Protein backbone atom coordinates (compact mmCIF):
# COMPACT_ATOMS: atom_id res chain seq x y z
CA MET A 1 139.29 73.86 94.49
CA ASP A 2 135.24 74.69 95.22
CA THR A 3 134.86 78.73 93.69
CA ALA A 4 131.22 78.93 94.17
CA VAL A 5 129.67 81.59 95.39
CA LYS A 6 127.49 80.31 98.75
CA ASP A 7 125.81 81.72 101.11
CA MET A 8 126.47 82.71 105.02
CA SER A 9 127.24 79.15 106.66
CA ALA A 10 125.02 77.97 109.47
CA GLU A 11 127.63 78.70 112.02
CA GLU A 12 128.84 82.59 110.77
CA PHE A 13 124.74 83.11 110.45
CA LEU A 14 124.39 81.83 114.24
CA ARG A 15 127.69 83.84 115.20
CA TYR A 16 126.45 87.50 113.78
CA GLY A 17 123.33 86.93 114.42
CA ASP A 18 123.79 86.36 117.91
CA ARG A 19 125.99 89.67 118.18
CA ILE A 20 122.88 91.47 116.01
CA LEU A 21 120.58 90.36 118.55
CA LYS A 22 122.96 91.56 121.06
CA ASP A 23 123.08 94.93 119.84
CA ILE A 24 119.20 95.07 118.91
CA ALA A 25 118.54 94.42 122.42
CA ASP A 26 120.94 96.58 123.95
CA TYR A 27 119.75 99.54 121.66
CA LEU A 28 116.33 98.86 123.01
CA ALA A 29 117.25 98.83 126.70
CA HIS A 30 118.81 101.88 126.59
CA PRO A 31 117.39 104.29 122.95
CA GLU A 32 118.24 107.38 125.06
CA ARG A 33 121.88 106.86 124.89
CA TYR A 34 121.19 108.28 120.95
CA PRO A 35 119.86 111.74 120.20
CA VAL A 36 116.28 111.60 118.96
CA LEU A 37 116.82 113.04 115.58
CA SER A 38 119.97 112.71 113.73
CA ALA A 39 122.40 116.08 113.90
CA VAL A 40 124.02 115.15 110.24
CA GLU A 41 123.72 117.50 107.07
CA PRO A 42 122.28 116.67 103.72
CA GLY A 43 125.21 114.55 101.79
CA ASP A 44 127.15 113.75 104.62
CA ILE A 45 126.02 110.04 104.95
CA LYS A 46 126.68 109.51 101.28
CA ALA A 47 130.14 111.36 101.28
CA GLN A 48 131.36 108.70 103.65
CA LEU A 49 129.81 105.69 101.26
CA PRO A 50 132.05 104.78 97.95
CA LEU A 51 129.90 105.47 94.70
CA GLU A 52 130.83 102.13 92.69
CA PRO A 53 129.83 98.71 94.36
CA PRO A 54 132.56 96.29 96.01
CA THR A 55 133.64 93.84 93.58
CA ALA A 56 134.90 91.66 95.89
CA PRO A 57 133.20 90.57 98.66
CA GLU A 58 133.58 91.90 102.05
CA SER A 59 133.34 90.66 105.68
CA MET A 60 130.41 91.04 108.19
CA ASP A 61 132.79 92.66 110.25
CA ALA A 62 133.63 95.30 108.21
CA ILE A 63 129.77 95.63 107.01
CA LEU A 64 128.51 95.95 110.88
CA ALA A 65 131.37 98.46 111.47
CA ASP A 66 130.21 100.83 108.75
CA PHE A 67 126.81 100.74 109.87
CA HIS A 68 127.67 101.36 113.70
CA GLN A 69 129.70 104.27 112.33
CA ILE A 70 128.38 105.40 109.01
CA LEU A 71 124.90 104.60 109.17
CA MET A 72 123.76 104.64 112.90
CA PRO A 73 124.49 108.31 113.18
CA GLY A 74 122.09 109.11 110.09
CA MET A 75 119.29 107.51 111.85
CA THR A 76 116.43 109.61 113.30
CA HIS A 77 115.34 106.82 116.16
CA TRP A 78 111.28 106.47 116.27
CA ASN A 79 112.06 104.09 118.87
CA HIS A 80 113.20 106.82 121.10
CA PRO A 81 110.86 107.45 123.83
CA GLY A 82 111.84 111.24 123.14
CA PHE A 83 109.84 111.02 119.53
CA MET A 84 106.78 112.98 119.83
CA ALA A 85 107.15 114.53 116.35
CA TYR A 86 104.32 113.50 113.48
CA PHE A 87 102.53 110.47 115.22
CA ALA A 88 104.81 108.03 116.78
CA ASN A 89 105.63 104.38 116.09
CA SER A 90 107.52 101.55 117.96
CA SER A 91 109.40 97.89 117.20
CA PRO A 92 108.68 96.21 120.32
CA GLY A 93 110.91 93.26 120.39
CA PRO A 94 107.77 90.43 119.16
CA GLY A 95 107.58 92.79 116.41
CA ILE A 96 111.14 92.26 115.64
CA LEU A 97 110.90 88.54 116.39
CA ALA A 98 108.15 88.45 113.68
CA GLU A 99 109.81 90.74 111.14
CA THR A 100 112.93 87.91 111.47
CA LEU A 101 111.11 85.71 111.09
CA CYS A 102 109.16 86.42 107.80
CA ALA A 103 112.28 87.56 106.15
CA ALA A 104 113.83 84.28 107.03
CA LEU A 105 110.30 82.10 105.28
CA ASN A 106 110.39 84.58 102.59
CA GLN A 107 106.92 84.36 102.01
CA ASN A 108 104.90 86.05 99.26
CA ALA A 109 101.16 86.39 99.96
CA MET A 110 100.07 86.72 96.32
CA LEU A 111 97.83 83.86 95.92
CA TRP A 112 96.40 81.33 98.42
CA ARG A 113 99.18 78.59 97.26
CA THR A 114 101.77 80.72 97.36
CA SER A 115 101.66 80.71 101.48
CA PRO A 116 98.00 79.59 102.42
CA SER A 117 99.43 80.31 106.02
CA ALA A 118 99.97 83.63 105.13
CA THR A 119 97.15 84.21 103.42
CA GLU A 120 94.67 82.57 106.17
CA LEU A 121 96.36 84.18 109.14
CA GLU A 122 95.67 87.44 107.23
CA GLU A 123 92.28 86.90 107.12
CA VAL A 124 91.80 85.75 111.15
CA VAL A 125 94.31 89.19 112.06
CA MET A 126 91.42 91.39 110.00
CA ARG A 127 88.96 89.63 111.82
CA TRP A 128 90.79 90.13 115.21
CA MET A 129 91.16 93.53 114.49
CA ALA A 130 87.34 94.44 113.54
CA SER A 131 86.72 92.65 116.76
CA LEU A 132 89.49 94.93 118.75
CA LEU A 133 87.99 97.74 117.73
CA GLY A 134 84.22 96.99 117.91
CA LEU A 135 83.16 96.77 114.48
CA SER A 136 80.52 94.98 113.02
CA GLU A 137 81.52 91.30 111.14
CA SER A 138 80.38 93.36 107.87
CA PHE A 139 83.86 94.49 107.04
CA THR A 140 86.64 92.19 105.96
CA GLY A 141 89.75 93.32 104.52
CA VAL A 142 93.31 93.67 103.33
CA ILE A 143 96.48 94.32 104.91
CA THR A 144 98.95 96.82 102.91
CA ASP A 145 102.01 99.00 103.27
CA THR A 146 100.73 102.20 104.79
CA ALA A 147 97.07 104.69 104.74
CA SER A 148 98.11 106.36 101.76
CA ILE A 149 97.86 103.06 99.73
CA SER A 150 94.78 101.75 102.24
CA SER A 151 93.09 105.18 100.71
CA LEU A 152 93.77 104.68 97.42
CA LEU A 153 92.45 101.47 96.97
CA ALA A 154 89.12 102.46 98.41
CA MET A 155 88.58 105.33 96.22
CA ALA A 156 89.64 103.36 93.25
CA ALA A 157 86.68 101.03 94.55
CA ALA A 158 84.61 103.79 94.99
CA ARG A 159 85.25 105.05 91.41
CA GLU A 160 84.53 101.33 90.55
CA ALA A 161 81.10 101.71 92.17
CA ILE A 162 80.09 104.37 89.72
CA PRO A 163 77.42 102.77 87.70
CA GLY A 164 77.22 102.82 83.76
CA LEU A 165 81.02 104.50 83.46
CA ASN A 166 83.06 101.48 82.84
CA ILE A 167 86.26 102.93 84.06
CA ARG A 168 88.29 99.56 84.57
CA GLU A 169 88.06 98.97 80.70
CA GLU A 170 87.66 102.19 78.97
CA GLY A 171 89.41 104.56 81.43
CA LEU A 172 88.70 108.38 81.83
CA SER A 173 90.71 109.62 79.03
CA GLY A 174 89.09 111.05 75.90
CA ARG A 175 85.40 110.11 76.92
CA PRO A 176 83.62 113.59 76.68
CA GLU A 177 80.67 111.52 78.01
CA VAL A 178 82.00 110.71 81.40
CA PRO A 179 81.45 114.05 83.88
CA ARG A 180 84.25 115.14 85.99
CA LEU A 181 84.70 113.62 89.07
CA ARG A 182 84.25 114.33 92.68
CA ILE A 183 85.46 113.60 95.83
CA TYR A 184 85.19 115.08 99.28
CA THR A 185 87.08 115.61 102.33
CA SER A 186 87.57 117.77 105.08
CA ASP A 187 90.58 121.06 104.93
CA GLN A 188 92.14 118.67 107.60
CA ALA A 189 92.68 115.74 105.71
CA HIS A 190 95.64 113.77 105.19
CA SER A 191 97.85 114.72 101.71
CA SER A 192 97.52 110.90 100.93
CA ILE A 193 93.78 111.76 99.71
CA GLU A 194 94.62 114.48 97.05
CA LYS A 195 97.89 111.97 95.95
CA GLY A 196 94.96 109.24 95.73
CA ALA A 197 93.02 111.39 93.75
CA ILE A 198 95.89 112.41 91.40
CA THR A 199 96.93 108.73 90.86
CA LEU A 200 93.44 107.94 89.68
CA GLY A 201 93.18 110.41 87.23
CA ILE A 202 90.69 112.68 89.20
CA GLY A 203 93.21 115.46 89.68
CA GLN A 204 93.36 117.93 92.45
CA ARG A 205 90.53 120.00 91.21
CA GLY A 206 88.48 116.72 91.99
CA VAL A 207 88.64 117.08 95.43
CA ARG A 208 86.36 119.88 96.97
CA LYS A 209 87.75 120.30 100.43
CA ILE A 210 85.52 120.91 102.81
CA ASP A 211 85.71 123.38 105.74
CA THR A 212 85.84 122.75 109.54
CA ASP A 213 84.60 123.72 112.78
CA SER A 214 86.41 125.54 115.67
CA ALA A 215 87.55 121.95 116.72
CA PHE A 216 88.89 121.23 113.12
CA ARG A 217 85.78 118.88 112.29
CA MET A 218 84.52 118.52 109.09
CA ARG A 219 80.95 120.61 109.08
CA PRO A 220 78.03 118.07 107.07
CA GLU A 221 76.14 121.27 106.29
CA SER A 222 78.75 122.60 104.22
CA LEU A 223 79.36 118.92 102.92
CA LYS A 224 75.87 118.92 101.98
CA ALA A 225 75.49 122.50 99.92
CA SER A 226 79.24 121.61 98.23
CA ILE A 227 77.63 118.43 96.62
CA ALA A 228 74.11 120.05 95.53
CA GLU A 229 76.03 123.06 94.04
CA ASP A 230 78.05 120.79 92.40
CA ARG A 231 75.84 118.38 90.98
CA ALA A 232 74.22 121.72 89.88
CA ALA A 233 77.48 122.70 88.13
CA GLY A 234 77.97 118.92 86.48
CA TRP A 235 80.32 117.18 88.33
CA LEU A 236 79.70 114.00 89.43
CA PRO A 237 80.15 113.26 93.22
CA PHE A 238 81.17 109.65 94.40
CA CYS A 239 83.41 109.92 97.24
CA VAL A 240 83.50 110.98 101.19
CA VAL A 241 86.81 110.65 103.41
CA ALA A 242 85.82 111.28 106.93
CA THR A 243 89.04 111.40 109.17
CA VAL A 244 88.74 109.95 112.62
CA GLY A 245 92.35 112.06 114.20
CA THR A 246 93.05 114.68 111.43
CA THR A 247 97.03 114.63 111.01
CA SER A 248 97.39 118.38 112.56
CA THR A 249 95.24 118.29 115.60
CA THR A 250 93.54 114.64 115.72
CA SER A 251 90.23 115.97 115.53
CA ILE A 252 87.33 113.33 114.65
CA ASP A 253 85.00 114.41 111.89
CA PRO A 254 81.12 113.57 112.93
CA VAL A 255 80.65 110.24 111.08
CA PRO A 256 77.45 109.82 111.56
CA LEU A 257 75.80 112.98 109.99
CA ILE A 258 78.44 112.55 107.58
CA ALA A 259 77.36 108.71 106.90
CA ASP A 260 73.87 109.93 106.74
CA ILE A 261 74.43 112.13 103.90
CA CYS A 262 75.73 109.41 101.79
CA GLU A 263 73.19 107.10 102.32
CA GLU A 264 71.09 109.74 100.93
CA GLU A 265 73.39 110.97 98.22
CA LYS A 266 74.37 107.51 97.07
CA LEU A 267 77.92 108.30 97.66
CA TRP A 268 80.94 105.78 99.00
CA LEU A 269 82.09 106.87 102.89
CA HIS A 270 85.41 106.26 103.28
CA VAL A 271 87.29 106.51 106.81
CA ASP A 272 90.30 107.41 107.22
CA ALA A 273 91.55 106.25 110.93
CA ALA A 274 95.08 105.82 110.20
CA TYR A 275 95.95 107.38 113.52
CA ALA A 276 93.29 107.51 116.12
CA GLY A 277 90.96 103.88 115.25
CA SER A 278 93.53 102.28 117.55
CA ALA A 279 91.84 104.41 120.28
CA ALA A 280 89.27 102.45 120.18
CA VAL A 281 91.23 99.44 122.06
CA PRO A 282 89.93 100.56 125.33
CA PRO A 283 85.76 99.81 125.27
CA GLU A 284 85.55 103.38 126.58
CA PHE A 285 86.68 104.82 123.66
CA GLN A 286 84.97 103.12 121.26
CA HIS A 287 82.42 105.88 121.13
CA LEU A 288 85.42 107.68 118.67
CA LEU A 289 84.61 105.38 115.91
CA GLU A 290 80.68 105.75 116.13
CA GLY A 291 78.77 105.71 112.41
CA CYS A 292 82.38 104.02 110.99
CA ASP A 293 80.40 100.85 110.74
CA ARG A 294 78.29 102.60 108.04
CA ALA A 295 80.82 103.03 105.54
CA ASP A 296 82.19 101.22 102.86
CA SER A 297 85.31 101.35 103.52
CA MET A 298 88.23 102.26 106.66
CA VAL A 299 91.72 102.19 106.98
CA VAL A 300 93.58 102.09 110.48
CA ASN A 301 97.63 101.39 110.93
CA PRO A 302 98.62 99.57 113.49
CA HIS A 303 102.40 100.61 112.71
CA LYS A 304 101.43 103.99 114.18
CA TRP A 305 99.44 103.20 117.63
CA LEU A 306 99.39 99.43 117.96
CA PHE A 307 103.57 99.38 117.94
CA THR A 308 103.54 97.22 115.48
CA PRO A 309 106.71 97.53 113.48
CA MET A 310 106.66 99.63 110.10
CA ASP A 311 104.67 98.86 107.95
CA CYS A 312 101.48 98.08 108.43
CA SER A 313 97.67 99.47 107.37
CA VAL A 314 94.55 97.97 107.56
CA LEU A 315 91.88 98.18 105.07
CA PHE A 316 88.44 97.26 106.17
CA VAL A 317 85.82 96.98 103.21
CA LYS A 318 82.20 95.92 102.86
CA SER A 319 82.42 94.96 99.63
CA PRO A 320 85.50 93.05 98.65
CA GLN A 321 84.00 92.00 95.49
CA ARG A 322 84.06 96.15 94.76
CA LEU A 323 87.20 96.19 95.60
CA ARG A 324 88.43 92.78 93.30
CA ARG A 325 85.95 94.26 90.46
CA ALA A 326 88.74 97.63 90.52
CA PHE A 327 91.71 95.48 90.53
CA SER A 328 91.27 91.64 89.82
CA LEU A 329 93.65 90.76 86.84
CA VAL A 330 94.45 87.15 86.55
CA PRO A 331 96.31 86.18 83.87
CA GLU A 332 96.92 81.79 82.86
CA TYR A 333 100.31 81.65 85.02
CA LEU A 334 98.41 82.79 88.21
CA VAL A 335 95.54 80.69 87.56
CA THR A 336 95.04 77.91 89.97
CA ASP A 337 93.11 75.06 91.53
CA SER A 338 91.73 76.84 94.57
CA ASP A 339 90.94 80.05 93.11
CA ASN A 340 87.23 80.02 93.92
CA THR A 341 87.61 78.39 97.30
CA ALA A 342 90.58 80.44 98.71
CA THR A 343 91.46 84.33 98.98
CA ASN A 344 93.80 85.50 96.89
CA TYR A 345 94.94 88.99 97.97
CA MET A 346 96.76 89.98 94.65
CA ASP A 347 93.07 90.46 93.36
CA TRP A 348 92.51 93.22 96.16
CA GLY A 349 94.91 95.77 95.14
CA VAL A 350 97.87 96.83 92.74
CA GLN A 351 100.52 94.54 93.90
CA LEU A 352 101.03 91.09 93.28
CA GLY A 353 104.24 90.58 95.24
CA ARG A 354 102.83 90.53 99.01
CA ARG A 355 104.89 90.94 102.03
CA PHE A 356 103.78 88.41 105.04
CA ARG A 357 102.82 91.40 107.04
CA ALA A 358 100.06 89.51 109.20
CA LEU A 359 102.50 87.20 111.12
CA LYS A 360 103.86 90.39 113.07
CA LEU A 361 100.37 92.03 113.72
CA TRP A 362 99.50 88.49 115.16
CA MET A 363 102.25 88.16 117.22
CA ILE A 364 102.09 92.03 118.57
CA ILE A 365 98.34 91.13 119.39
CA ARG A 366 99.06 87.95 121.15
CA TYR A 367 102.01 89.11 122.99
CA PHE A 368 100.22 91.93 124.66
CA GLY A 369 96.65 90.91 124.30
CA GLN A 370 93.64 93.63 124.05
CA GLU A 371 94.05 94.46 127.79
CA GLY A 372 97.96 94.97 127.60
CA LEU A 373 97.05 97.48 124.51
CA ALA A 374 94.25 99.12 125.85
CA ALA A 375 96.79 99.60 128.71
CA LEU A 376 99.36 101.09 126.73
CA VAL A 377 96.72 103.41 124.66
CA ARG A 378 95.05 104.87 128.00
CA GLU A 379 98.46 106.05 129.35
CA HIS A 380 99.61 107.94 126.53
CA VAL A 381 96.18 109.13 126.83
CA ARG A 382 97.00 110.06 130.33
CA LEU A 383 100.11 111.59 129.54
CA ALA A 384 98.86 113.66 126.82
CA ALA A 385 95.99 114.96 129.37
CA ASP A 386 98.51 115.67 132.05
CA PHE A 387 100.78 118.06 129.40
CA ALA A 388 97.43 119.93 127.96
CA ALA A 389 97.16 120.76 131.48
CA TRP A 390 100.17 122.12 131.90
CA ILE A 391 100.17 124.23 128.93
CA ASP A 392 96.92 125.03 130.18
CA ALA A 393 98.25 126.29 133.44
CA SER A 394 101.40 128.66 132.04
CA GLY A 395 101.09 131.62 131.40
CA GLN A 396 103.26 131.35 128.54
CA PHE A 397 101.83 128.64 126.46
CA ARG A 398 98.70 128.60 124.86
CA ARG A 399 96.47 125.34 123.41
CA THR A 400 95.85 125.71 119.72
CA ALA A 401 93.46 123.07 119.27
CA PRO A 402 91.33 120.07 121.87
CA THR A 403 93.03 117.57 122.46
CA PRO A 404 90.53 114.80 121.88
CA LEU A 405 93.62 111.77 122.27
CA SER A 406 97.55 111.71 122.43
CA ALA A 407 98.80 114.56 120.81
CA VAL A 408 98.85 118.52 121.81
CA CYS A 409 98.60 121.26 119.62
CA PHE A 410 100.36 124.13 121.42
CA CYS A 411 102.43 127.43 120.92
CA ALA A 412 104.29 129.82 122.98
CA VAL A 413 102.80 133.55 123.58
CA PRO A 414 105.46 134.87 125.94
CA ASP A 415 103.79 138.40 125.38
CA LYS A 416 100.64 139.20 124.11
CA GLU A 417 101.40 142.27 122.49
CA LEU A 418 103.94 140.32 119.81
CA GLY A 419 103.08 140.45 116.73
CA GLU A 420 101.94 137.19 114.17
CA ALA A 421 105.62 136.89 112.14
CA GLN A 422 107.43 137.58 115.79
CA LEU A 423 105.22 134.59 117.38
CA GLU A 424 106.34 132.34 114.35
CA ALA A 425 109.84 133.21 114.90
CA ILE A 426 109.82 132.62 118.50
CA ASN A 427 107.69 129.33 117.91
CA ALA A 428 109.88 128.27 115.44
CA ALA A 429 113.47 129.21 117.36
CA LEU A 430 111.49 126.83 120.21
CA MET A 431 111.25 123.72 118.02
CA GLN A 432 114.85 124.21 116.43
CA ARG A 433 116.21 124.34 119.95
CA ILE A 434 114.65 121.86 121.71
CA ASN A 435 115.25 119.41 118.31
CA GLN A 436 118.50 120.34 118.68
CA THR A 437 118.99 118.58 122.26
CA GLY A 438 118.56 114.70 121.23
CA GLU A 439 116.11 114.52 123.85
CA VAL A 440 113.16 115.33 122.28
CA PHE A 441 111.66 115.45 118.90
CA LEU A 442 108.89 117.95 117.79
CA SER A 443 106.64 118.83 114.83
CA HIS A 444 104.92 121.90 113.73
CA THR A 445 101.82 122.69 111.88
CA LYS A 446 99.28 125.61 111.27
CA LEU A 447 96.36 126.12 112.07
CA ASN A 448 94.12 128.80 111.08
CA GLY A 449 97.95 129.99 109.30
CA GLU A 450 98.65 129.79 113.02
CA TYR A 451 102.32 128.45 114.04
CA THR A 452 102.07 125.49 116.50
CA LEU A 453 103.81 122.95 118.12
CA ARG A 454 102.46 119.84 117.77
CA VAL A 455 103.58 117.16 121.00
CA ALA A 456 102.22 113.59 119.94
CA VAL A 457 102.52 111.08 122.57
CA GLY A 458 102.69 107.38 120.82
CA ASN A 459 105.81 105.44 121.34
CA ILE A 460 105.60 102.12 123.73
CA ARG A 461 108.74 103.82 125.58
CA THR A 462 107.45 106.91 126.82
CA GLN A 463 107.01 107.87 130.27
CA GLN A 464 105.96 110.25 132.78
CA LYS A 465 109.66 111.36 133.13
CA HIS A 466 109.81 112.13 129.31
CA ILE A 467 106.96 114.70 129.76
CA GLU A 468 108.78 115.97 132.43
CA ARG A 469 111.79 116.67 130.72
CA LEU A 470 109.93 118.24 127.83
CA LYS A 471 108.44 120.50 130.37
CA ALA A 472 111.86 121.65 131.37
CA LEU A 473 113.20 121.91 128.01
CA LEU A 474 110.15 124.54 127.26
CA GLU A 475 110.65 126.50 130.20
CA GLU A 476 114.73 126.65 129.69
CA ASN A 477 114.75 127.30 126.00
CA LEU A 478 111.40 129.96 125.62
CA PRO A 479 113.27 132.66 127.15
CA LEU A 480 116.79 131.63 124.92
CA ALA A 481 114.31 131.38 121.68
CA VAL A 482 112.62 134.77 122.59
CA ALA A 483 116.25 136.52 122.36
CA GLN A 484 117.59 134.61 119.46
CA THR A 485 114.44 136.55 117.04
CA ALA A 486 114.37 139.71 119.22
CA PRO A 487 114.39 142.67 116.39
CA ALA A 488 118.27 144.26 115.87
CA GLN A 489 118.04 147.46 117.79
CA ALA A 490 118.51 150.21 115.45
CA THR A 491 122.67 151.38 115.44
CA PRO A 492 122.61 155.13 115.99
CA GLN A 493 123.92 157.24 113.33
CA ILE A 494 127.68 158.88 113.45
CA SER A 495 127.31 162.24 111.98
CA THR A 496 131.09 162.89 109.95
CA ALA A 497 129.67 166.34 109.36
CA SER A 498 132.17 168.96 110.16
CA GLY A 499 131.04 171.51 112.74
């Protein structure tokens, strides 16, 4: 009797594969069957799962039953057209099929030799991305998982570019001859910049946040003054991070003016265009990336607004030599005879094992083409402008920031006499009520201390009807949120004295 453990048979794979693909197709065709935001409470999912792993094999029927009955209720549906929180991402059919191929082929794109196709396709796709965004051929790059890692790698390359410090070999710790290093970014920049500084040993105090103007854009004059002040105080400035599409408001820093300062001060310029970089696919929006060709590095996330399944981030660099200098470490067992003629992406970052992410981006770009991708971006900008116009015309809502792209920041102001605390309570209650409907998912931020709701349009399935439904939900739920948060009326005191 053969008792050897074996993989799933081809026949079983086809049977369950067909079943799963049919489920996926049905899910994508009807995502609104599910509430966009899960209603489970913390611990609900774990409570339904065994504490110990199974001893004996289990059937795929049982596994899939638990997937649908236990896990699906705990999913937040990023593919839902009502997902308007944070920055939406989508999983179109071509990307899903590409992920299936990626899992089946199981490539490790660490060396050219370990997957020539994965490596060379990545090089081609990076060139395609630069072309789609109108960037010059001076950029090359690498695909990572997220903008957090892309920006971390860029800042590491910037640190490596500081002359004379030899940080790669000697590190930062215990070296009194090394001054405190300084990174500059706006007070609206993504938290990943601070996290990167923490990881690189620069620390949060090594990040100086530059104030922003009324449109939440970095003030170049404040940047220049801060650099001069820091140099006088003994800091060593080495990197500036500008943002094209800030997380809260999608504001766009004045990159050309910031680039002037970086060139004058000999500082590395990194541009975080994780969200808004994709907006440059339509040619009429390429002015949004003005000045970015002068940057040393730049990040764009196709998994945000270029309809590529999580995760996929592209890091452009002018000097791959700096990036490799920061990270390349080749033990003998990884030396190959093609090292001098081919790209080994393991040298471009921390990871040795690397997923074949280029495949899904390649398939997305080919399937939709530049024209299809541009049309989707244009429509999302139009939908956001429509919603912003509705907010402006409403007597009970107010925009709290400009709307340069596809995200709208606003708050409810049902009564101009209400105080800040009560307005915050009303807006928080309104967002909670909207999210509890399961039809739309909104997120919030604070701008100049004001509680602000965000509508971010970016899902491939979001249409005008979903924006109209959001308007209706806001109108229906605002009076209920006001009533819900109204101060309790004082209860009259009943005298018990005898008279």
